[in-house]
Amino acid sequence: MLTLATSNEVKIYKNQDVKRIIAFIPPSHRHVRLYIEFTDQKIVIQQATIDAIIRAYISVALHPQRKAIELIRRRLSRNERKEGFAEYQLVETLKKEEGIMCELDKLLGVSSHD
């Protein structure tokens, strides 16, 4: 695992740092969760977060030009969200790619343009 020294510690995990992943639906629940066991910690991610990560990943990976997208947490009223969706959602910002990439340079302390 590579840890970059910044004011807020940022951990970058490589595949070798992931011991295992378990996708599961807990008893009496409907939504998938991911249990991720790293070499230094264990986390569980709920489906709404998994969905947002997949949405962001696909938006960048499969787009012929897009290099970055930012999602932020928003609390949505019942009228603003589809039925069955969580109250808190990660939704796309209007921030331009250049701004996102510059912010990443600062957050990571390296050039994200390389």
PDB file of N, CA and C in Angstrom:
ATOM      1  N   MET A   1       0.842  -1.181   0.000  1.00  0.00           N
ATOM      2  CA  MET A   1       0.000   0.000   0.000  1.00  0.00           C
ATOM      3  C   MET A   1       0.881   1.237   0.000  1.00  0.00           C
ATOM      4  N   LEU A   2       0.564   2.172  -0.878  1.00  0.00           N
ATOM      5  CA  LEU A   2       1.287   3.435  -0.947  1.00  0.00           C
ATOM      6  C   LEU A   2       0.497   4.483  -0.194  1.00  0.00           C
ATOM      7  N   THR A   3       1.087   5.140   0.774  1.00  0.00           N
ATOM      8  CA  THR A   3       0.447   6.228   1.490  1.00  0.00           C
ATOM      9  C   THR A   3       1.167   7.512   1.128  1.00  0.00           C
ATOM     10  N   LEU A   4       0.436   8.466   0.608  1.00  0.00           N
ATOM     11  CA  LEU A   4       1.017   9.748   0.237  1.00  0.00           C
ATOM     12  C   LEU A   4       0.946  10.690   1.425  1.00  0.00           C
ATOM     13  N   ALA A   5       2.007  11.421   1.669  1.00  0.00           N
ATOM     14  CA  ALA A   5       2.049  12.350   2.799  1.00  0.00           C
ATOM     15  C   ALA A   5       1.424  13.677   2.392  1.00  0.00           C
ATOM     16  N   THR A   6       0.250  13.932   2.888  1.00  0.00           N
ATOM     17  CA  THR A   6      -0.442  15.200   2.675  1.00  0.00           C
ATOM     18  C   THR A   6      -1.079  15.601   3.993  1.00  0.00           C
ATOM     19  N   SER A   7      -1.732  16.757   4.000  1.00  0.00           N
ATOM     20  CA  SER A   7      -2.373  17.193   5.238  1.00  0.00           C
ATOM     21  C   SER A   7      -3.469  16.223   5.669  1.00  0.00           C
ATOM     22  N   ASN A   8      -4.171  15.638   4.714  1.00  0.00           N
ATOM     23  CA  ASN A   8      -5.129  14.567   4.991  1.00  0.00           C
ATOM     24  C   ASN A   8      -4.558  13.308   4.372  1.00  0.00           C
ATOM     25  N   GLU A   9      -4.318  12.302   5.174  1.00  0.00           N
ATOM     26  CA  GLU A   9      -3.710  11.080   4.670  1.00  0.00           C
ATOM     27  C   GLU A   9      -4.586  10.456   3.589  1.00  0.00           C
ATOM     28  N   VAL A  10      -3.993  10.146   2.466  1.00  0.00           N
ATOM     29  CA  VAL A  10      -4.680   9.489   1.358  1.00  0.00           C
ATOM     30  C   VAL A  10      -4.035   8.128   1.169  1.00  0.00           C
ATOM     31  N   LYS A  11      -4.836   7.080   1.183  1.00  0.00           N
ATOM     32  CA  LYS A  11      -4.321   5.731   0.978  1.00  0.00           C
ATOM     33  C   LYS A  11      -4.676   5.288  -0.434  1.00  0.00           C
ATOM     34  N   ILE A  12      -3.691   4.767  -1.125  1.00  0.00           N
ATOM     35  CA  ILE A  12      -3.905   4.207  -2.448  1.00  0.00           C
ATOM     36  C   ILE A  12      -3.687   2.712  -2.338  1.00  0.00           C
ATOM     37  N   TYR A  13      -4.720   1.944  -2.641  1.00  0.00           N
ATOM     38  CA  TYR A  13      -4.634   0.497  -2.527  1.00  0.00           C
ATOM     39  C   TYR A  13      -4.410  -0.129  -3.896  1.00  0.00           C
ATOM     40  N   LYS A  14      -3.425  -1.004  -3.955  1.00  0.00           N
ATOM     41  CA  LYS A  14      -3.175  -1.805  -5.145  1.00  0.00           C
ATOM     42  C   LYS A  14      -3.898  -3.137  -4.961  1.00  0.00           C
ATOM     43  N   ASN A  15      -4.022  -3.875  -6.032  1.00  0.00           N
ATOM     44  CA  ASN A  15      -4.679  -5.171  -5.953  1.00  0.00           C
ATOM     45  C   ASN A  15      -4.030  -6.069  -4.903  1.00  0.00           C
ATOM     46  N   GLN A  16      -2.713  -5.979  -4.762  1.00  0.00           N
ATOM     47  CA  GLN A  16      -1.999  -6.812  -3.788  1.00  0.00           C
ATOM     48  C   GLN A  16      -2.327  -6.442  -2.347  1.00  0.00           C
ATOM     49  N   ASP A  17      -2.946  -5.278  -2.136  1.00  0.00           N
ATOM     50  CA  ASP A  17      -3.322  -4.837  -0.796  1.00  0.00           C
ATOM     51  C   ASP A  17      -4.724  -5.305  -0.393  1.00  0.00           C
ATOM     52  N   VAL A  18      -5.444  -5.898  -1.334  1.00  0.00           N
ATOM     53  CA  VAL A  18      -6.791  -6.394  -1.068  1.00  0.00           C
ATOM     54  C   VAL A  18      -6.705  -7.888  -0.817  1.00  0.00           C
ATOM     55  N   LYS A  19      -7.079  -8.282   0.410  1.00  0.00           N
ATOM     56  CA  LYS A  19      -7.013  -9.706   0.761  1.00  0.00           C
ATOM     57  C   LYS A  19      -8.204 -10.461   0.187  1.00  0.00           C
ATOM     58  N   ARG A  20      -9.404  -9.847   0.284  1.00  0.00           N
ATOM     59  CA  ARG A  20     -10.594 -10.480  -0.286  1.00  0.00           C
ATOM     60  C   ARG A  20     -11.761  -9.501  -0.317  1.00  0.00           C
ATOM     61  N   ILE A  21     -12.731  -9.854  -1.147  1.00  0.00           N
ATOM     62  CA  ILE A  21     -13.973  -9.088  -1.261  1.00  0.00           C
ATOM     63  C   ILE A  21     -15.118 -10.087  -1.199  1.00  0.00           C
ATOM     64  N   ILE A  22     -16.120  -9.751  -0.404  1.00  0.00           N
ATOM     65  CA  ILE A  22     -17.327 -10.576  -0.328  1.00  0.00           C
ATOM     66  C   ILE A  22     -18.520  -9.686  -0.656  1.00  0.00           C
ATOM     67  N   ALA A  23     -19.259 -10.060  -1.685  1.00  0.00           N
ATOM     68  CA  ALA A  23     -20.521  -9.385  -1.999  1.00  0.00           C
ATOM     69  C   ALA A  23     -21.629 -10.193  -1.331  1.00  0.00           C
ATOM     70  N   PHE A  24     -22.548  -9.502  -0.650  1.00  0.00           N
ATOM     71  CA  PHE A  24     -23.579 -10.230   0.083  1.00  0.00           C
ATOM     72  C   PHE A  24     -24.818  -9.369   0.300  1.00  0.00           C
ATOM     73  N   ILE A  25     -25.915 -10.024   0.556  1.00  0.00           N
ATOM     74  CA  ILE A  25     -27.155  -9.372   0.981  1.00  0.00           C
ATOM     75  C   ILE A  25     -27.433  -9.891   2.382  1.00  0.00           C
ATOM     76  N   PRO A  26     -27.415  -9.006   3.388  1.00  0.00           N
ATOM     77  CA  PRO A  26     -27.655  -9.467   4.759  1.00  0.00           C
ATOM     78  C   PRO A  26     -29.074 -10.041   4.910  1.00  0.00           C
ATOM     79  N   PRO A  27     -29.242 -10.955   5.850  1.00  0.00           N
ATOM     80  CA  PRO A  27     -30.582 -11.499   6.113  1.00  0.00           C
ATOM     81  C   PRO A  27     -31.588 -10.381   6.382  1.00  0.00           C
ATOM     82  N   SER A  28     -32.759 -10.517   5.846  1.00  0.00           N
ATOM     83  CA  SER A  28     -33.864  -9.553   6.013  1.00  0.00           C
ATOM     84  C   SER A  28     -33.591  -8.210   5.331  1.00  0.00           C
ATOM     85  N   HIS A  29     -32.650  -8.151   4.402  1.00  0.00           N
ATOM     86  CA  HIS A  29     -32.365  -6.929   3.639  1.00  0.00           C
ATOM     87  C   HIS A  29     -32.539  -7.233   2.158  1.00  0.00           C
ATOM     88  N   ARG A  30     -32.574  -6.153   1.349  1.00  0.00           N
ATOM     89  CA  ARG A  30     -32.746  -6.316  -0.097  1.00  0.00           C
ATOM     90  C   ARG A  30     -31.526  -5.869  -0.886  1.00  0.00           C
ATOM     91  N   HIS A  31     -30.652  -5.102  -0.255  1.00  0.00           N
ATOM     92  CA  HIS A  31     -29.571  -4.472  -0.996  1.00  0.00           C
ATOM     93  C   HIS A  31     -28.212  -5.126  -0.740  1.00  0.00           C
ATOM     94  N   VAL A  32     -27.411  -5.130  -1.797  1.00  0.00           N
ATOM     95  CA  VAL A  32     -26.079  -5.724  -1.766  1.00  0.00           C
ATOM     96  C   VAL A  32     -25.119  -4.847  -0.978  1.00  0.00           C
ATOM     97  N   ARG A  33     -24.198  -5.475  -0.320  1.00  0.00           N
ATOM     98  CA  ARG A  33     -23.090  -4.791   0.329  1.00  0.00           C
ATOM     99  C   ARG A  33     -21.795  -5.465  -0.099  1.00  0.00           C
ATOM    100  N   LEU A  34     -20.709  -4.741   0.013  1.00  0.00           N
ATOM    101  CA  LEU A  34     -19.395  -5.309  -0.249  1.00  0.00           C
ATOM    102  C   LEU A  34     -18.573  -5.230   1.023  1.00  0.00           C
ATOM    103  N   TYR A  35     -18.080  -6.372   1.442  1.00  0.00           N
ATOM    104  CA  TYR A  35     -17.110  -6.446   2.528  1.00  0.00           C
ATOM    105  C   TYR A  35     -15.762  -6.481   1.826  1.00  0.00           C
ATOM    106  N   ILE A  36     -14.892  -5.518   2.148  1.00  0.00           N
ATOM    107  CA  ILE A  36     -13.569  -5.477   1.538  1.00  0.00           C
ATOM    108  C   ILE A  36     -12.533  -5.548   2.655  1.00  0.00           C
ATOM    109  N   GLU A  37     -11.691  -6.557   2.549  1.00  0.00           N
ATOM    110  CA  GLU A  37     -10.648  -6.764   3.548  1.00  0.00           C
ATOM    111  C   GLU A  37      -9.305  -6.394   2.926  1.00  0.00           C
ATOM    112  N   PHE A  38      -8.728  -5.307   3.431  1.00  0.00           N
ATOM    113  CA  PHE A  38      -7.409  -4.868   2.996  1.00  0.00           C
ATOM    114  C   PHE A  38      -6.371  -5.424   3.961  1.00  0.00           C
ATOM    115  N   THR A  39      -5.115  -5.219   3.661  1.00  0.00           N
ATOM    116  CA  THR A  39      -4.057  -5.679   4.558  1.00  0.00           C
ATOM    117  C   THR A  39      -4.052  -4.910   5.871  1.00  0.00           C
ATOM    118  N   ASP A  40      -4.618  -3.674   5.871  1.00  0.00           N
ATOM    119  CA  ASP A  40      -4.574  -2.844   7.080  1.00  0.00           C
ATOM    120  C   ASP A  40      -5.936  -2.483   7.679  1.00  0.00           C
ATOM    121  N   GLN A  41      -7.022  -2.822   6.987  1.00  0.00           N
ATOM    122  CA  GLN A  41      -8.348  -2.502   7.517  1.00  0.00           C
ATOM    123  C   GLN A  41      -9.421  -3.299   6.785  1.00  0.00           C
ATOM    124  N   LYS A  42     -10.632  -3.291   7.361  1.00  0.00           N
ATOM    125  CA  LYS A  42     -11.793  -3.958   6.768  1.00  0.00           C
ATOM    126  C   LYS A  42     -12.915  -2.932   6.686  1.00  0.00           C
ATOM    127  N   ILE A  43     -13.628  -2.910   5.555  1.00  0.00           N
ATOM    128  CA  ILE A  43     -14.747  -1.977   5.396  1.00  0.00           C
ATOM    129  C   ILE A  43     -15.938  -2.698   4.777  1.00  0.00           C
ATOM    130  N   VAL A  44     -17.114  -2.135   4.975  1.00  0.00           N
ATOM    131  CA  VAL A  44     -18.331  -2.585   4.299  1.00  0.00           C
ATOM    132  C   VAL A  44     -18.910  -1.374   3.590  1.00  0.00           C
ATOM    133  N   ILE A  45     -19.204  -1.545   2.312  1.00  0.00           N
ATOM    134  CA  ILE A  45     -19.776  -0.471   1.516  1.00  0.00           C
ATOM    135  C   ILE A  45     -21.197  -0.866   1.146  1.00  0.00           C
ATOM    136  N   GLN A  46     -22.140   0.033   1.349  1.00  0.00           N
ATOM    137  CA  GLN A  46     -23.534  -0.244   1.032  1.00  0.00           C
ATOM    138  C   GLN A  46     -23.822  -0.034  -0.450  1.00  0.00           C
ATOM    139  N   GLN A  47     -24.948  -0.565  -0.905  1.00  0.00           N
ATOM    140  CA  GLN A  47     -25.267  -0.585  -2.321  1.00  0.00           C
ATOM    141  C   GLN A  47     -25.328   0.799  -2.955  1.00  0.00           C
ATOM    142  N   ALA A  48     -25.884   1.791  -2.287  1.00  0.00           N
ATOM    143  CA  ALA A  48     -25.966   3.130  -2.881  1.00  0.00           C
ATOM    144  C   ALA A  48     -24.572   3.665  -3.218  1.00  0.00           C
ATOM    145  N   THR A  49     -23.604   3.371  -2.368  1.00  0.00           N
ATOM    146  CA  THR A  49     -22.227   3.807  -2.615  1.00  0.00           C
ATOM    147  C   THR A  49     -21.606   2.988  -3.744  1.00  0.00           C
ATOM    148  N   ILE A  50     -21.851   1.690  -3.751  1.00  0.00           N
ATOM    149  CA  ILE A  50     -21.364   0.834  -4.830  1.00  0.00           C
ATOM    150  C   ILE A  50     -21.913   1.326  -6.163  1.00  0.00           C
ATOM    151  N   ASP A  51     -23.211   1.617  -6.201  1.00  0.00           N
ATOM    152  CA  ASP A  51     -23.853   2.100  -7.426  1.00  0.00           C
ATOM    153  C   ASP A  51     -23.208   3.390  -7.912  1.00  0.00           C
ATOM    154  N   ALA A  52     -22.921   4.305  -6.993  1.00  0.00           N
ATOM    155  CA  ALA A  52     -22.299   5.581  -7.360  1.00  0.00           C
ATOM    156  C   ALA A  52     -20.887   5.364  -7.911  1.00  0.00           C
ATOM    157  N   ILE A  53     -20.145   4.478  -7.288  1.00  0.00           N
ATOM    158  CA  ILE A  53     -18.792   4.175  -7.772  1.00  0.00           C
ATOM    159  C   ILE A  53     -18.861   3.590  -9.184  1.00  0.00           C
ATOM    160  N   ILE A  54     -19.775   2.674  -9.408  1.00  0.00           N
ATOM    161  CA  ILE A  54     -19.931   2.070 -10.736  1.00  0.00           C
ATOM    162  C   ILE A  54     -20.334   3.133 -11.756  1.00  0.00           C
ATOM    163  N   ARG A  55     -21.271   3.990 -11.402  1.00  0.00           N
ATOM    164  CA  ARG A  55     -21.715   5.063 -12.299  1.00  0.00           C
ATOM    165  C   ARG A  55     -20.555   5.972 -12.681  1.00  0.00           C
ATOM    166  N   ALA A  56     -19.770   6.386 -11.689  1.00  0.00           N
ATOM    167  CA  ALA A  56     -18.630   7.269 -11.943  1.00  0.00           C
ATOM    168  C   ALA A  56     -17.585   6.554 -12.787  1.00  0.00           C
ATOM    169  N   TYR A  57     -17.282   5.327 -12.449  1.00  0.00           N
ATOM    170  CA  TYR A  57     -16.279   4.550 -13.178  1.00  0.00           C
ATOM    171  C   TYR A  57     -16.669   4.408 -14.648  1.00  0.00           C
ATOM    172  N   ILE A  58     -17.902   4.005 -14.896  1.00  0.00           N
ATOM    173  CA  ILE A  58     -18.373   3.820 -16.269  1.00  0.00           C
ATOM    174  C   ILE A  58     -18.373   5.144 -17.026  1.00  0.00           C
ATOM    175  N   SER A  59     -18.750   6.216 -16.360  1.00  0.00           N
ATOM    176  CA  SER A  59     -18.784   7.537 -17.005  1.00  0.00           C
ATOM    177  C   SER A  59     -17.411   7.964 -17.501  1.00  0.00           C
ATOM    178  N   VAL A  60     -16.361   7.562 -16.818  1.00  0.00           N
ATOM    179  CA  VAL A  60     -14.998   7.921 -17.225  1.00  0.00           C
ATOM    180  C   VAL A  60     -14.391   6.833 -18.118  1.00  0.00           C
ATOM    181  N   ALA A  61     -14.466   5.595 -17.690  1.00  0.00           N
ATOM    182  CA  ALA A  61     -13.797   4.495 -18.399  1.00  0.00           C
ATOM    183  C   ALA A  61     -14.342   4.269 -19.802  1.00  0.00           C
ATOM    184  N   LEU A  62     -15.638   4.426 -20.002  1.00  0.00           N
ATOM    185  CA  LEU A  62     -16.242   4.099 -21.290  1.00  0.00           C
ATOM    186  C   LEU A  62     -16.510   5.316 -22.168  1.00  0.00           C
ATOM    187  N   HIS A  63     -16.170   6.493 -21.704  1.00  0.00           N
ATOM    188  CA  HIS A  63     -16.372   7.712 -22.490  1.00  0.00           C
ATOM    189  C   HIS A  63     -15.116   7.976 -23.324  1.00  0.00           C
ATOM    190  N   PRO A  64     -15.273   8.348 -24.591  1.00  0.00           N
ATOM    191  CA  PRO A  64     -14.095   8.532 -25.436  1.00  0.00           C
ATOM    192  C   PRO A  64     -13.218   9.736 -25.085  1.00  0.00           C
ATOM    193  N   GLN A  65     -13.754  10.695 -24.309  1.00  0.00           N
ATOM    194  CA  GLN A  65     -12.981  11.893 -23.990  1.00  0.00           C
ATOM    195  C   GLN A  65     -12.912  12.215 -22.504  1.00  0.00           C
ATOM    196  N   ARG A  66     -13.898  11.843 -21.758  1.00  0.00           N
ATOM    197  CA  ARG A  66     -13.969  12.225 -20.341  1.00  0.00           C
ATOM    198  C   ARG A  66     -12.829  11.621 -19.543  1.00  0.00           C
ATOM    199  N   LYS A  67     -12.209  12.445 -18.692  1.00  0.00           N
ATOM    200  CA  LYS A  67     -11.084  11.994 -17.866  1.00  0.00           C
ATOM    201  C   LYS A  67     -11.380  12.062 -16.368  1.00  0.00           C
ATOM    202  N   ALA A  68     -12.452  12.749 -15.988  1.00  0.00           N
ATOM    203  CA  ALA A  68     -12.757  12.882 -14.557  1.00  0.00           C
ATOM    204  C   ALA A  68     -14.229  13.233 -14.374  1.00  0.00           C
ATOM    205  N   ILE A  69     -14.744  12.814 -13.251  1.00  0.00           N
ATOM    206  CA  ILE A  69     -16.105  13.169 -12.843  1.00  0.00           C
ATOM    207  C   ILE A  69     -16.083  13.251 -11.319  1.00  0.00           C
ATOM    208  N   GLU A  70     -16.873  14.129 -10.766  1.00  0.00           N
ATOM    209  CA  GLU A  70     -16.960  14.255  -9.308  1.00  0.00           C
ATOM    210  C   GLU A  70     -18.403  14.043  -8.885  1.00  0.00           C
ATOM    211  N   LEU A  71     -18.578  13.216  -7.869  1.00  0.00           N
ATOM    212  CA  LEU A  71     -19.892  13.010  -7.259  1.00  0.00           C
ATOM    213  C   LEU A  71     -19.820  13.542  -5.833  1.00  0.00           C
ATOM    214  N   ILE A  72     -20.871  14.218  -5.410  1.00  0.00           N
ATOM    215  CA  ILE A  72     -20.929  14.700  -4.027  1.00  0.00           C
ATOM    216  C   ILE A  72     -22.221  14.220  -3.368  1.00  0.00           C
ATOM    217  N   ARG A  73     -22.177  14.168  -2.047  1.00  0.00           N
ATOM    218  CA  ARG A  73     -23.332  13.723  -1.274  1.00  0.00           C
ATOM    219  C   ARG A  73     -24.415  14.798  -1.284  1.00  0.00           C
ATOM    220  N   ARG A  74     -25.636  14.378  -1.596  1.00  0.00           N
ATOM    221  CA  ARG A  74     -26.794  15.253  -1.515  1.00  0.00           C
ATOM    222  C   ARG A  74     -27.940  14.515  -0.856  1.00  0.00           C
ATOM    223  N   ARG A  75     -28.645  15.231  -0.001  1.00  0.00           N
ATOM    224  CA  ARG A  75     -29.841  14.658   0.621  1.00  0.00           C
ATOM    225  C   ARG A  75     -31.017  14.983  -0.294  1.00  0.00           C
ATOM    226  N   LEU A  76     -31.693  13.953  -0.759  1.00  0.00           N
ATOM    227  CA  LEU A  76     -32.804  14.141  -1.685  1.00  0.00           C
ATOM    228  C   LEU A  76     -34.127  13.855  -0.984  1.00  0.00           C
ATOM    229  N   SER A  77     -35.089  14.723  -1.206  1.00  0.00           N
ATOM    230  CA  SER A  77     -36.432  14.496  -0.650  1.00  0.00           C
ATOM    231  C   SER A  77     -37.090  13.343  -1.407  1.00  0.00           C
ATOM    232  N   ARG A  78     -38.191  12.859  -0.900  1.00  0.00           N
ATOM    233  CA  ARG A  78     -38.915  11.762  -1.569  1.00  0.00           C
ATOM    234  C   ARG A  78     -39.302  12.149  -2.990  1.00  0.00           C
ATOM    235  N   ASN A  79     -39.633  13.416  -3.195  1.00  0.00           N
ATOM    236  CA  ASN A  79     -40.038  13.883  -4.522  1.00  0.00           C
ATOM    237  C   ASN A  79     -38.869  13.987  -5.494  1.00  0.00           C
ATOM    238  N   GLU A  80     -37.653  14.066  -4.985  1.00  0.00           N
ATOM    239  CA  GLU A  80     -36.472  14.229  -5.835  1.00  0.00           C
ATOM    240  C   GLU A  80     -35.820  12.913  -6.241  1.00  0.00           C
ATOM    241  N   ARG A  81     -36.195  11.827  -5.607  1.00  0.00           N
ATOM    242  CA  ARG A  81     -35.531  10.559  -5.895  1.00  0.00           C
ATOM    243  C   ARG A  81     -36.535   9.495  -6.317  1.00  0.00           C
ATOM    244  N   LYS A  82     -36.021   8.516  -7.031  1.00  0.00           N
ATOM    245  CA  LYS A  82     -36.844   7.404  -7.462  1.00  0.00           C
ATOM    246  C   LYS A  82     -37.234   6.553  -6.254  1.00  0.00           C
ATOM    247  N   GLU A  83     -38.351   5.866  -6.371  1.00  0.00           N
ATOM    248  CA  GLU A  83     -38.811   4.993  -5.301  1.00  0.00           C
ATOM    249  C   GLU A  83     -37.770   3.906  -5.038  1.00  0.00           C
ATOM    250  N   GLY A  84     -37.495   3.667  -3.765  1.00  0.00           N
ATOM    251  CA  GLY A  84     -36.539   2.645  -3.377  1.00  0.00           C
ATOM    252  C   GLY A  84     -35.106   3.144  -3.281  1.00  0.00           C
ATOM    253  N   PHE A  85     -34.863   4.399  -3.684  1.00  0.00           N
ATOM    254  CA  PHE A  85     -33.510   4.956  -3.610  1.00  0.00           C
ATOM    255  C   PHE A  85     -33.278   5.587  -2.245  1.00  0.00           C
ATOM    256  N   ALA A  86     -32.035   5.537  -1.791  1.00  0.00           N
ATOM    257  CA  ALA A  86     -31.659   6.072  -0.482  1.00  0.00           C
ATOM    258  C   ALA A  86     -31.850   7.593  -0.438  1.00  0.00           C
ATOM    259  N   GLU A  87     -32.077   8.098   0.756  1.00  0.00           N
ATOM    260  CA  GLU A  87     -32.249   9.540   0.972  1.00  0.00           C
ATOM    261  C   GLU A  87     -30.984  10.318   0.609  1.00  0.00           C
ATOM    262  N   TYR A  88     -29.848   9.768   0.966  1.00  0.00           N
ATOM    263  CA  TYR A  88     -28.573  10.408   0.629  1.00  0.00           C
ATOM    264  C   TYR A  88     -28.024   9.741  -0.621  1.00  0.00           C
ATOM    265  N   GLN A  89     -27.695  10.552  -1.608  1.00  0.00           N
ATOM    266  CA  GLN A  89     -27.167  10.057  -2.874  1.00  0.00           C
ATOM    267  C   GLN A  89     -25.873  10.775  -3.215  1.00  0.00           C
ATOM    268  N   LEU A  90     -25.038  10.115  -3.971  1.00  0.00           N
ATOM    269  CA  LEU A  90     -23.840  10.737  -4.526  1.00  0.00           C
ATOM    270  C   LEU A  90     -24.188  11.112  -5.961  1.00  0.00           C
ATOM    271  N   VAL A  91     -24.259  12.416  -6.217  1.00  0.00           N
ATOM    272  CA  VAL A  91     -24.695  12.903  -7.525  1.00  0.00           C
ATOM    273  C   VAL A  91     -23.605  13.738  -8.181  1.00  0.00           C
ATOM    274  N   GLU A  92     -23.642  13.775  -9.506  1.00  0.00           N
ATOM    275  CA  GLU A  92     -22.626  14.468 -10.282  1.00  0.00           C
ATOM    276  C   GLU A  92     -22.673  15.972 -10.042  1.00  0.00           C
ATOM    277  N   THR A  93     -21.483  16.563  -9.926  1.00  0.00           N
ATOM    278  CA  THR A  93     -21.382  18.021  -9.811  1.00  0.00           C
ATOM    279  C   THR A  93     -21.246  18.615 -11.209  1.00  0.00           C
ATOM    280  N   LEU A  94     -21.292  19.925 -11.272  1.00  0.00           N
ATOM    281  CA  LEU A  94     -21.115  20.626 -12.538  1.00  0.00           C
ATOM    282  C   LEU A  94     -19.656  21.047 -12.745  1.00  0.00           C
ATOM    283  N   LYS A  95     -18.785  20.614 -11.842  1.00  0.00           N
ATOM    284  CA  LYS A  95     -17.378  20.998 -11.916  1.00  0.00           C
ATOM    285  C   LYS A  95     -16.750  20.460 -13.200  1.00  0.00           C
ATOM    286  N   LYS A  96     -15.974  21.298 -13.855  1.00  0.00           N
ATOM    287  CA  LYS A  96     -15.291  20.914 -15.088  1.00  0.00           C
ATOM    288  C   LYS A  96     -14.125  19.974 -14.785  1.00  0.00           C
ATOM    289  N   GLU A  97     -13.804  19.146 -15.775  1.00  0.00           N
ATOM    290  CA  GLU A  97     -12.728  18.173 -15.610  1.00  0.00           C
ATOM    291  C   GLU A  97     -11.422  18.820 -15.179  1.00  0.00           C
ATOM    292  N   GLU A  98     -11.094  19.954 -15.777  1.00  0.00           N
ATOM    293  CA  GLU A  98      -9.834  20.631 -15.451  1.00  0.00           C
ATOM    294  C   GLU A  98      -9.783  20.978 -13.967  1.00  0.00           C
ATOM    295  N   GLY A  99     -10.894  21.453 -13.426  1.00  0.00           N
ATOM    296  CA  GLY A  99     -10.965  21.787 -12.007  1.00  0.00           C
ATOM    297  C   GLY A  99     -10.817  20.565 -11.119  1.00  0.00           C
ATOM    298  N   ILE A 100     -11.435  19.466 -11.540  1.00  0.00           N
ATOM    299  CA  ILE A 100     -11.329  18.219 -10.777  1.00  0.00           C
ATOM    300  C   ILE A 100      -9.883  17.732 -10.769  1.00  0.00           C
ATOM    301  N   MET A 101      -9.241  17.769 -11.947  1.00  0.00           N
ATOM    302  CA  MET A 101      -7.858  17.294 -12.059  1.00  0.00           C
ATOM    303  C   MET A 101      -6.902  18.168 -11.242  1.00  0.00           C
ATOM    304  N   CYS A 102      -7.112  19.474 -11.243  1.00  0.00           N
ATOM    305  CA  CYS A 102      -6.269  20.372 -10.436  1.00  0.00           C
ATOM    306  C   CYS A 102      -6.449  20.086  -8.951  1.00  0.00           C
ATOM    307  N   GLU A 103      -7.679  19.858  -8.537  1.00  0.00           N
ATOM    308  CA  GLU A 103      -7.938  19.533  -7.130  1.00  0.00           C
ATOM    309  C   GLU A 103      -7.255  18.219  -6.750  1.00  0.00           C
ATOM    310  N   LEU A 104      -7.287  17.244  -7.650  1.00  0.00           N
ATOM    311  CA  LEU A 104      -6.600  15.973  -7.390  1.00  0.00           C
ATOM    312  C   LEU A 104      -5.106  16.172  -7.217  1.00  0.00           C
ATOM    313  N   ASP A 105      -4.528  17.045  -8.045  1.00  0.00           N
ATOM    314  CA  ASP A 105      -3.096  17.340  -7.899  1.00  0.00           C
ATOM    315  C   ASP A 105      -2.783  17.799  -6.480  1.00  0.00           C
ATOM    316  N   LYS A 106      -3.632  18.674  -5.944  1.00  0.00           N
ATOM    317  CA  LYS A 106      -3.425  19.186  -4.587  1.00  0.00           C
ATOM    318  C   LYS A 106      -3.679  18.115  -3.529  1.00  0.00           C
ATOM    319  N   LEU A 107      -4.767  17.354  -3.697  1.00  0.00           N
ATOM    320  CA  LEU A 107      -5.122  16.329  -2.722  1.00  0.00           C
ATOM    321  C   LEU A 107      -4.086  15.212  -2.638  1.00  0.00           C
ATOM    322  N   LEU A 108      -3.554  14.829  -3.787  1.00  0.00           N
ATOM    323  CA  LEU A 108      -2.612  13.717  -3.829  1.00  0.00           C
ATOM    324  C   LEU A 108      -1.158  14.144  -3.754  1.00  0.00           C
ATOM    325  N   GLY A 109      -0.913  15.428  -3.992  1.00  0.00           N
ATOM    326  CA  GLY A 109       0.454  15.926  -3.926  1.00  0.00           C
ATOM    327  C   GLY A 109       1.310  15.471  -5.095  1.00  0.00           C
ATOM    328  N   VAL A 110       0.646  15.034  -6.148  1.00  0.00           N
ATOM    329  CA  VAL A 110       1.336  14.609  -7.372  1.00  0.00           C
ATOM    330  C   VAL A 110       0.545  15.109  -8.571  1.00  0.00           C
ATOM    331  N   SER A 111       1.130  15.056  -9.740  1.00  0.00           N
ATOM    332  CA  SER A 111       0.420  15.449 -10.949  1.00  0.00           C
ATOM    333  C   SER A 111      -0.482  14.310 -11.402  1.00  0.00           C
ATOM    334  N   SER A 112      -1.780  14.567 -11.449  1.00  0.00           N
ATOM    335  CA  SER A 112      -2.727  13.547 -11.904  1.00  0.00           C
ATOM    336  C   SER A 112      -2.798  13.503 -13.412  1.00  0.00           C
ATOM    337  N   HIS A 113      -2.063  14.401 -14.076  1.00  0.00           N
ATOM    338  CA  HIS A 113      -2.087  14.468 -15.529  1.00  0.00           C
ATOM    339  C   HIS A 113      -1.081  13.534 -16.175  1.00  0.00           C
ATOM    340  N   ASP A 114      -0.234  12.875 -15.365  1.00  0.00           N
ATOM    341  CA  ASP A 114       0.807  11.991 -15.911  1.00  0.00           C
ATOM    342  C   ASP A 114       0.209  10.694 -16.409  1.00  0.00           C
TER     343      ASP A 114
END
